[in-house]
Amino acid sequence: MVPFIGIPHESLGEEVKVCVVLKENHTVSETDLGLWTKEHVAAYKYPRHIEFMTALPTTGKILKRKLSLCS
């Protein structure tokens, strides 16, 4: 599961951000991931911000509030 969250934007209200944790021995660039999502999701769902993380903040479920603070 890859969490998609909304982050504040001055004129739009919110933009889409995705937080990605890669599996061991897997790699993908931000550019490649961005190109793939442009081909597979609607324009309003396309993440404008992509962040790679080593682990997601969790207490049994993903803490989306902490994800929006990460940069």
C-alpha atoms as a PDB file:
ATOM      1  CA  MET A   1       0.000   0.000   0.000  1.00  0.00           C
ATOM      2  CA  VAL A   2       1.245   3.435  -0.940  1.00  0.00           C
ATOM      3  CA  PRO A   3      -0.459   6.277   0.914  1.00  0.00           C
ATOM      4  CA  PHE A   4      -1.674   9.234  -1.109  1.00  0.00           C
ATOM      5  CA  ILE A   5      -2.391  12.311   0.973  1.00  0.00           C
ATOM      6  CA  GLY A   6      -3.490  15.902   0.423  1.00  0.00           C
ATOM      7  CA  ILE A   7      -1.107  18.701   1.312  1.00  0.00           C
ATOM      8  CA  PRO A   8      -1.975  22.418   1.398  1.00  0.00           C
ATOM      9  CA  HIS A   9      -1.644  24.513  -1.759  1.00  0.00           C
ATOM     10  CA  GLU A  10      -2.113  28.302  -1.896  1.00  0.00           C
ATOM     11  CA  SER A  11      -4.490  28.552  -4.839  1.00  0.00           C
ATOM     12  CA  LEU A  12      -5.782  25.000  -5.335  1.00  0.00           C
ATOM     13  CA  GLY A  13      -6.550  24.199  -1.716  1.00  0.00           C
ATOM     14  CA  GLU A  14      -4.762  20.836  -1.784  1.00  0.00           C
ATOM     15  CA  GLU A  15      -2.311  18.918  -3.934  1.00  0.00           C
ATOM     16  CA  VAL A  16      -1.632  15.186  -4.025  1.00  0.00           C
ATOM     17  CA  LYS A  17       1.482  13.785  -2.348  1.00  0.00           C
ATOM     18  CA  VAL A  18       2.552  10.142  -2.366  1.00  0.00           C
ATOM     19  CA  CYS A  19       4.910   8.541   0.141  1.00  0.00           C
ATOM     20  CA  VAL A  20       6.803   5.546  -1.237  1.00  0.00           C
ATOM     21  CA  VAL A  21       8.695   2.846   0.639  1.00  0.00           C
ATOM     22  CA  LEU A  22      10.613   0.642  -1.773  1.00  0.00           C
ATOM     23  CA  LYS A  23      11.072  -3.083  -1.207  1.00  0.00           C
ATOM     24  CA  GLU A  24      14.586  -4.358  -0.623  1.00  0.00           C
ATOM     25  CA  ASN A  25      16.750  -4.437  -3.747  1.00  0.00           C
ATOM     26  CA  HIS A  26      14.186  -2.451  -5.770  1.00  0.00           C
ATOM     27  CA  THR A  27      14.803   0.962  -7.270  1.00  0.00           C
ATOM     28  CA  VAL A  28      12.752   3.546  -9.121  1.00  0.00           C
ATOM     29  CA  SER A  29      13.433   7.189  -9.794  1.00  0.00           C
ATOM     30  CA  GLU A  30      11.039  10.012  -9.020  1.00  0.00           C
ATOM     31  CA  THR A  31      10.881  10.777 -12.746  1.00  0.00           C
ATOM     32  CA  ASP A  32       9.994   7.196 -13.725  1.00  0.00           C
ATOM     33  CA  LEU A  33       7.334   6.982 -11.038  1.00  0.00           C
ATOM     34  CA  GLY A  34       5.888  10.316 -12.129  1.00  0.00           C
ATOM     35  CA  LEU A  35       5.733   9.229 -15.780  1.00  0.00           C
ATOM     36  CA  TRP A  36       4.060   5.935 -14.840  1.00  0.00           C
ATOM     37  CA  THR A  37       1.373   7.643 -12.753  1.00  0.00           C
ATOM     38  CA  LYS A  38       0.661  10.192 -15.508  1.00  0.00           C
ATOM     39  CA  GLU A  39      -0.126   7.268 -17.828  1.00  0.00           C
ATOM     40  CA  HIS A  40      -2.269   5.315 -15.342  1.00  0.00           C
ATOM     41  CA  VAL A  41      -4.254   7.814 -13.258  1.00  0.00           C
ATOM     42  CA  ALA A  42      -6.486  10.811 -13.941  1.00  0.00           C
ATOM     43  CA  ALA A  43      -4.832  14.238 -14.019  1.00  0.00           C
ATOM     44  CA  TYR A  44      -6.447  15.378 -10.758  1.00  0.00           C
ATOM     45  CA  LYS A  45      -5.135  12.238  -8.990  1.00  0.00           C
ATOM     46  CA  TYR A  46      -1.563  12.570 -10.264  1.00  0.00           C
ATOM     47  CA  PRO A  47       0.824  13.193  -7.327  1.00  0.00           C
ATOM     48  CA  ARG A  48       2.586  16.541  -7.612  1.00  0.00           C
ATOM     49  CA  HIS A  49       4.939  15.566  -4.780  1.00  0.00           C
ATOM     50  CA  ILE A  50       6.706  12.206  -4.424  1.00  0.00           C
ATOM     51  CA  GLU A  51       8.646  11.374  -1.268  1.00  0.00           C
ATOM     52  CA  PHE A  52      10.746   8.264  -0.752  1.00  0.00           C
ATOM     53  CA  MET A  53      10.903   7.005   2.823  1.00  0.00           C
ATOM     54  CA  THR A  54      12.617   4.135   4.621  1.00  0.00           C
ATOM     55  CA  ALA A  55       9.466   3.313   6.618  1.00  0.00           C
ATOM     56  CA  LEU A  56       5.976   4.691   7.115  1.00  0.00           C
ATOM     57  CA  PRO A  57       4.995   6.111  10.531  1.00  0.00           C
ATOM     58  CA  THR A  58       2.540   3.639  12.000  1.00  0.00           C
ATOM     59  CA  THR A  59       0.848   2.512  15.198  1.00  0.00           C
ATOM     60  CA  GLY A  60      -0.961  -0.416  13.599  1.00  0.00           C
ATOM     61  CA  LYS A  61      -2.266   1.890  10.881  1.00  0.00           C
ATOM     62  CA  ILE A  62      -0.512   4.552   8.826  1.00  0.00           C
ATOM     63  CA  LEU A  63      -0.324   7.941  10.555  1.00  0.00           C
ATOM     64  CA  LYS A  64      -1.256  10.231   7.663  1.00  0.00           C
ATOM     65  CA  ARG A  65      -0.896  13.395   9.767  1.00  0.00           C
ATOM     66  CA  LYS A  66       2.799  12.629  10.247  1.00  0.00           C
ATOM     67  CA  LEU A  67       3.205  11.949   6.527  1.00  0.00           C
ATOM     68  CA  SER A  68       1.936  15.413   5.610  1.00  0.00           C
ATOM     69  CA  LEU A  69       4.574  16.952   7.880  1.00  0.00           C
ATOM     70  CA  CYS A  70       7.458  15.003   6.301  1.00  0.00           C
ATOM     71  CA  SER A  71       9.497  16.645   3.556  1.00  0.00           C
END
